């Protein structure tokens, strides 16, 4: 049996109840953040659904369970981009649709996992719609998405929706303490959106020191010092990971302006709040949020140039 992380247990219990009562929809969407280990939940669900004895847990002994363990079950299909960062194409979905109209090879349920669902291009998403509107019997679709707002509304409207809530900071800190021999600062979970696995990876890869360097450089920039070109180049090395760290620093500094100071706040938020007004922090955070989304949707853009343009605005409002 696939072991689940503590923060996945509650949704699995809900799924078990829905399966037992035969209330699990033919088409469902699971919305989740990266770093929560949703693949373990999906695996447990798949094994349970495909089990010939069809209970709320896989028996592990039947022919279907053996096929699932060997990765060769003919009625279990995972649709992913052919290469990381690419889209799920319309041809992949058309093939999926054809399979969905065929009979089960083992006279059981056919299960289709589409992940990440937001990577379907528009043609692929539209091709899936008809199948979702007229699902064949004993056929289940589970769409796993890390950015639900990127899905077509027509897709969302045809699916039962489930979401995994990120655990709170205290829960993440307690879990991290059990995984790590060394102490992990409280803000490690905070700047990784309280996603435990991302926070663990952050600590294991030495990114605590990496973050601290970025923080020092941004504060120096706010003071009218520092090397803006160097910081832009370093942030551009991995903008989808590094820029959200800076966003948390800016939003924490905004909260400091209102007298808030939580133990998990980024360590430099107080110093940054002394240098920049709330209005500047708010505007820079807003601009950064839009920049993060822009670079996520269009990875081919010149990220270093765009980050440099954003950083220059700090110089315009630096403290002396």
Protein backbone atom coordinates (compact mmCIF):
# COMPACT_ATOMS: atom_id res chain seq x y z
CA UNK A 1 0.00 0.00 0.00
CA UNK A 2 1.27 3.46 -0.92
CA UNK A 3 2.02 5.43 2.24
CA UNK A 4 0.52 8.93 2.28
CA UNK A 5 1.92 12.09 3.78
CA UNK A 6 -0.08 13.37 6.80
CA UNK A 7 -1.58 16.31 4.88
CA UNK A 8 -3.02 13.93 2.25
CA UNK A 9 -4.89 11.69 4.68
CA UNK A 10 -8.05 13.81 4.96
CA UNK A 11 -8.69 14.04 1.22
CA UNK A 12 -7.99 10.33 0.82
CA UNK A 13 -10.65 9.61 3.44
CA UNK A 14 -13.08 11.78 1.44
CA UNK A 15 -12.21 9.88 -1.73
CA UNK A 16 -12.68 6.55 0.01
CA UNK A 17 -16.14 7.61 1.18
CA UNK A 18 -17.07 8.77 -2.33
CA UNK A 19 -15.84 5.55 -3.91
CA UNK A 20 -17.67 3.42 -1.35
CA UNK A 21 -20.92 5.33 -1.93
CA UNK A 22 -20.38 5.28 -5.72
CA UNK A 23 -20.39 9.09 -5.76
CA UNK A 24 -17.00 9.62 -7.39
CA UNK A 25 -17.56 11.44 -10.66
CA UNK A 26 -16.55 10.09 -14.08
CA UNK A 27 -14.48 13.27 -14.48
CA UNK A 28 -12.67 14.98 -11.62
CA UNK A 29 -10.10 17.72 -11.17
CA UNK A 30 -7.52 17.62 -8.38
CA UNK A 31 -6.06 21.08 -7.69
CA UNK A 32 -2.79 20.99 -5.77
CA UNK A 33 0.44 22.93 -5.31
CA UNK A 34 3.82 21.50 -6.23
CA UNK A 35 5.64 20.03 -3.27
CA UNK A 36 2.69 18.31 -1.60
CA UNK A 37 3.39 14.83 -2.96
CA UNK A 38 0.07 14.52 -4.80
CA UNK A 39 1.54 11.72 -6.92
CA UNK A 40 1.27 9.40 -3.89
CA UNK A 41 -2.43 10.19 -3.54
CA UNK A 42 -3.01 9.62 -7.26
CA UNK A 43 -1.11 6.33 -7.13
CA UNK A 44 -3.13 5.07 -4.18
CA UNK A 45 -6.36 6.10 -5.88
CA UNK A 46 -5.35 4.40 -9.13
CA UNK A 47 -4.40 1.14 -7.43
CA UNK A 48 -7.66 1.10 -5.47
CA UNK A 49 -9.83 1.84 -8.50
CA UNK A 50 -8.08 -0.68 -10.75
CA UNK A 51 -8.18 -3.50 -8.17
CA UNK A 52 -10.38 -6.37 -9.39
CA UNK A 53 -11.86 -6.66 -5.93
CA UNK A 54 -12.73 -2.93 -6.19
CA UNK A 55 -12.73 -1.76 -2.63
CA UNK A 56 -11.56 1.52 -1.12
CA UNK A 57 -8.07 0.04 -0.86
CA UNK A 58 -6.22 -2.17 -3.33
CA UNK A 59 -5.94 -5.80 -2.24
CA UNK A 60 -2.43 -6.09 -3.72
CA UNK A 61 -2.91 -9.74 -4.75
CA UNK A 62 -5.33 -9.88 -7.67
CA UNK A 63 -4.26 -9.95 -11.33
CA UNK A 64 -5.06 -6.24 -11.78
CA UNK A 65 -3.00 -5.28 -8.75
CA UNK A 66 -0.08 -7.31 -10.09
CA UNK A 67 -0.37 -5.55 -13.45
CA UNK A 68 -0.45 -2.16 -11.72
CA UNK A 69 2.68 -3.07 -9.75
CA UNK A 70 4.48 -4.00 -12.97
CA UNK A 71 3.26 -0.84 -14.74
CA UNK A 72 1.54 -2.84 -17.48
CA UNK A 73 -2.19 -2.60 -16.77
CA UNK A 74 -3.91 -2.22 -20.18
CA UNK A 75 -6.80 -0.13 -18.79
CA UNK A 76 -4.67 2.38 -16.89
CA UNK A 77 -3.44 5.37 -18.91
CA UNK A 78 -1.35 8.38 -17.86
CA UNK A 79 -1.31 11.31 -20.29
CA UNK A 80 1.64 13.68 -19.78
CA UNK A 81 3.67 16.03 -21.97
CA UNK A 82 6.12 14.04 -24.08
CA UNK A 83 8.91 16.28 -22.78
CA UNK A 84 9.11 18.37 -19.61
CA UNK A 85 7.87 21.89 -20.18
CA UNK A 86 6.02 20.94 -23.37
CA UNK A 87 2.26 20.78 -23.94
CA UNK A 88 -0.08 17.83 -24.02
CA UNK A 89 -0.99 17.76 -27.71
CA UNK A 90 -4.33 17.29 -29.43
CA UNK A 91 -3.06 14.00 -30.90
CA UNK A 92 -2.40 12.65 -27.40
CA UNK A 93 -5.94 13.57 -26.32
CA UNK A 94 -7.51 12.13 -29.49
CA UNK A 95 -5.71 8.86 -28.79
CA UNK A 96 -6.99 9.05 -25.21
CA UNK A 97 -10.53 9.62 -26.50
CA UNK A 98 -10.34 6.56 -28.77
CA UNK A 99 -9.21 4.42 -25.85
CA UNK A 100 -12.06 5.78 -23.74
CA UNK A 101 -14.59 4.56 -26.33
CA UNK A 102 -13.16 1.04 -26.47
CA UNK A 103 -14.11 -1.81 -24.18
CA UNK A 104 -12.07 -2.54 -21.10
CA UNK A 105 -9.51 -5.24 -21.79
CA UNK A 106 -9.99 -6.74 -18.34
CA UNK A 107 -13.74 -6.09 -18.07
CA UNK A 108 -13.20 -3.49 -15.38
CA UNK A 109 -12.70 0.25 -15.04
CA UNK A 110 -10.60 2.28 -17.45
CA UNK A 111 -8.74 5.09 -15.70
CA UNK A 112 -7.14 8.11 -17.40
CA UNK A 113 -4.83 10.42 -15.45
CA UNK A 114 -4.06 13.72 -17.21
CA UNK A 115 -1.18 15.55 -15.50
CA UNK A 116 -0.53 18.41 -15.45
CA UNK A 117 -3.91 19.20 -16.96
CA UNK A 118 -3.01 22.86 -17.55
CA UNK A 119 -0.37 21.75 -20.05
CA UNK A 120 -3.08 20.77 -22.54
CA UNK A 121 -3.06 23.28 -25.37
CA UNK A 122 -6.40 24.77 -26.38
CA UNK A 123 -7.00 22.24 -29.17
CA UNK A 124 -6.26 19.35 -26.82
CA UNK A 125 -8.59 20.74 -24.14
CA UNK A 126 -11.39 21.20 -26.67
CA UNK A 127 -10.86 17.67 -27.96
CA UNK A 128 -11.31 16.33 -24.42
CA UNK A 129 -14.58 18.19 -23.88
CA UNK A 130 -16.82 15.87 -25.89
CA UNK A 131 -15.54 12.81 -24.05
CA UNK A 132 -16.14 14.53 -20.69
CA UNK A 133 -19.65 15.50 -21.80
CA UNK A 134 -20.53 11.97 -22.89
CA UNK A 135 -18.40 9.63 -20.78
CA UNK A 136 -18.65 5.94 -21.57
CA UNK A 137 -19.50 3.50 -18.79
CA UNK A 138 -16.81 2.37 -16.34
CA UNK A 139 -14.45 5.10 -17.50
CA UNK A 140 -12.83 7.60 -15.10
CA UNK A 141 -10.85 10.74 -15.84
CA UNK A 142 -8.73 12.42 -13.17
CA UNK A 143 -7.17 15.74 -14.19
CA UNK A 144 -4.33 16.83 -11.90
CA UNK A 145 -3.57 20.55 -12.06
CA UNK A 146 -1.03 22.80 -10.37
CA UNK A 147 -2.61 25.94 -11.86
CA UNK A 148 -6.37 25.52 -11.92
CA UNK A 149 -6.87 29.06 -13.21
CA UNK A 150 -5.11 28.04 -16.44
CA UNK A 151 -7.77 25.43 -17.29
CA UNK A 152 -10.59 26.20 -19.72
CA UNK A 153 -13.77 27.08 -17.80
CA UNK A 154 -15.65 24.58 -19.98
CA UNK A 155 -13.35 21.79 -18.76
CA UNK A 156 -13.74 22.86 -15.12
CA UNK A 157 -17.54 23.00 -15.37
CA UNK A 158 -17.71 19.36 -16.44
CA UNK A 159 -15.63 17.98 -13.59
CA UNK A 160 -16.07 17.30 -9.92
CA UNK A 161 -13.50 19.43 -8.12
CA UNK A 162 -11.16 18.43 -5.34
CA UNK A 163 -8.31 20.41 -3.80
CA UNK A 164 -5.49 19.71 -1.38
CA UNK A 165 -4.98 22.41 1.23
CA UNK A 166 -1.42 23.29 2.14
CA UNK A 167 -0.68 22.51 5.80
CA UNK A 168 -0.06 25.39 8.22
CA UNK A 169 3.43 26.58 9.14
CA UNK A 170 3.50 24.78 12.50
CA UNK A 171 2.55 21.44 10.93
CA UNK A 172 5.19 21.84 8.23
CA UNK A 173 7.83 22.78 10.82
CA UNK A 174 6.98 19.71 12.92
CA UNK A 175 7.15 17.45 9.88
CA UNK A 176 10.45 18.96 8.73
CA UNK A 177 11.95 18.49 12.20
CA UNK A 178 11.31 14.74 11.88
CA UNK A 179 12.95 14.58 8.45
CA UNK A 180 16.03 16.69 9.09
CA UNK A 181 19.03 16.17 11.31
CA UNK A 182 19.83 19.89 11.17
CA UNK A 183 17.53 22.74 12.10
CA UNK A 184 15.50 24.29 9.30
CA UNK A 185 14.54 27.97 9.72
CA UNK A 186 10.81 28.65 10.00
CA UNK A 187 10.79 30.83 6.89
CA UNK A 188 11.94 27.89 4.72
CA UNK A 189 8.38 26.57 4.65
CA UNK A 190 6.88 30.06 4.39
CA UNK A 191 8.71 31.08 1.20
CA UNK A 192 7.86 27.71 -0.33
CA UNK A 193 4.13 28.28 0.21
CA UNK A 194 4.07 25.80 3.11
CA UNK A 195 4.67 22.96 0.66
CA UNK A 196 6.57 20.46 2.87
CA UNK A 197 8.44 18.61 0.13
CA UNK A 198 9.59 21.85 -1.50
CA UNK A 199 10.72 23.15 1.89
CA UNK A 200 12.63 19.92 2.54
CA UNK A 201 14.31 20.12 -0.85
CA UNK A 202 15.07 23.81 -0.19
CA UNK A 203 16.93 22.89 3.01
CA UNK A 204 18.67 19.81 1.60
CA UNK A 205 20.02 21.66 -1.41
CA UNK A 206 21.60 24.42 0.67
CA UNK A 207 19.14 27.04 -0.51
CA UNK A 208 18.88 28.63 2.94
CA UNK A 209 22.26 30.28 2.34
CA UNK A 210 21.30 30.98 -1.27
CA UNK A 211 18.15 32.80 -0.19
CA UNK A 212 20.02 34.81 2.44
CA UNK A 213 22.39 36.11 -0.23
CA UNK A 214 19.48 37.24 -2.42
CA UNK A 215 17.88 38.92 0.58
CA UNK A 216 21.06 40.86 1.43
CA UNK A 217 21.46 42.00 -2.16
CA UNK A 218 17.86 43.21 -2.44
CA UNK A 219 18.08 45.13 0.83
CA UNK A 220 21.35 46.71 -0.33
CA UNK A 221 19.62 47.72 -3.55
CA UNK A 222 16.80 49.32 -1.55
CA UNK A 223 19.49 51.34 0.25
CA UNK A 224 20.88 52.58 -3.05
CA UNK A 225 23.82 50.19 -2.91
CA UNK A 226 24.55 46.76 -4.36
CA UNK A 227 25.07 45.45 -7.87
CA UNK A 228 21.76 45.41 -9.70
CA UNK A 229 23.15 43.64 -12.78
CA UNK A 230 24.70 40.86 -10.67
CA UNK A 231 21.44 40.29 -8.78
CA UNK A 232 19.39 40.23 -12.00
CA UNK A 233 21.73 37.67 -13.52
CA UNK A 234 21.58 35.44 -10.45
CA UNK A 235 17.78 35.61 -10.17
CA UNK A 236 17.44 34.86 -13.89
CA UNK A 237 19.36 31.60 -13.43
CA UNK A 238 16.15 30.02 -12.08
CA UNK A 239 13.40 32.66 -12.05
CA UNK A 240 10.46 30.33 -11.39
CA UNK A 241 12.06 29.30 -8.08
CA UNK A 242 13.97 32.42 -7.02
CA UNK A 243 11.47 35.18 -7.83
CA UNK A 244 8.73 33.80 -5.53
CA UNK A 245 11.26 33.99 -2.67
CA UNK A 246 11.60 37.72 -3.35
CA UNK A 247 7.82 38.07 -3.48
CA UNK A 248 7.50 36.64 0.02
CA UNK A 249 10.18 39.03 1.26
CA UNK A 250 8.27 42.00 -0.19
CA UNK A 251 4.89 40.91 1.18
CA UNK A 252 6.36 40.22 4.62
CA UNK A 253 7.83 43.73 4.61
CA UNK A 254 4.38 45.12 3.79
CA UNK A 255 2.95 43.35 6.83
CA UNK A 256 5.71 44.77 9.02
CA UNK A 257 4.40 48.23 8.11
CA UNK A 258 1.16 47.24 9.86
CA UNK A 259 2.96 46.07 12.98
CA UNK A 260 2.83 42.36 12.17
CA UNK A 261 5.85 40.20 12.87
CA UNK A 262 5.39 36.43 12.75
CA UNK A 263 8.21 34.00 13.64
CA UNK A 264 8.14 32.57 10.11
CA UNK A 265 8.60 35.93 8.35
CA UNK A 266 11.67 36.31 6.15
CA UNK A 267 14.54 37.59 8.33
CA UNK A 268 15.18 40.69 6.22
CA UNK A 269 11.58 41.89 6.04
CA UNK A 270 12.03 44.37 8.89
CA UNK A 271 15.12 45.95 7.33
CA UNK A 272 13.40 46.22 3.95
CA UNK A 273 10.34 47.84 5.55
CA UNK A 274 12.62 50.53 7.04
CA UNK A 275 13.94 51.38 3.59
CA UNK A 276 10.81 51.34 1.46
CA UNK A 277 7.31 52.69 1.98
CA UNK A 278 4.31 50.40 2.00
CA UNK A 279 3.16 51.79 -1.36
CA UNK A 280 6.49 50.98 -3.04
CA UNK A 281 6.58 47.49 -1.54
CA UNK A 282 3.01 46.86 -2.64
CA UNK A 283 3.62 48.06 -6.19
CA UNK A 284 6.86 46.11 -6.55
CA UNK A 285 5.22 42.94 -5.23
CA UNK A 286 2.31 43.40 -7.64
CA UNK A 287 4.67 43.92 -10.57
CA UNK A 288 6.76 40.93 -9.51
CA UNK A 289 3.68 38.69 -9.31
CA UNK A 290 2.78 39.61 -12.89
CA UNK A 291 6.39 39.02 -13.98
CA UNK A 292 6.45 35.55 -12.40
CA UNK A 293 3.28 34.61 -14.28
CA UNK A 294 4.62 36.06 -17.52
CA UNK A 295 7.83 34.03 -17.31
CA UNK A 296 5.91 30.90 -16.36
CA UNK A 297 3.66 31.19 -19.41
CA UNK A 298 6.42 32.32 -21.79
CA UNK A 299 9.71 30.65 -20.72
CA UNK A 300 11.44 31.81 -23.89
CA UNK A 301 11.44 35.47 -22.82
CA UNK A 302 14.64 37.24 -21.79
CA UNK A 303 14.15 36.84 -18.04
CA UNK A 304 17.35 38.65 -17.10
CA UNK A 305 16.30 41.79 -18.96
CA UNK A 306 12.80 41.75 -17.48
CA UNK A 307 14.13 41.19 -13.95
CA UNK A 308 16.66 43.98 -14.42
CA UNK A 309 13.87 46.36 -15.42
CA UNK A 310 11.95 45.39 -12.27
CA UNK A 311 15.01 45.82 -10.03
CA UNK A 312 15.82 49.27 -11.41
CA UNK A 313 12.58 50.55 -9.86
CA UNK A 314 14.07 49.92 -6.41
CA UNK A 315 16.81 52.41 -7.19
CA UNK A 316 14.18 55.03 -7.94
CA UNK A 317 12.80 54.69 -4.39
CA UNK A 318 15.90 53.78 -2.40
CA UNK A 319 16.48 55.08 1.11
CA UNK A 320 19.62 56.96 2.06
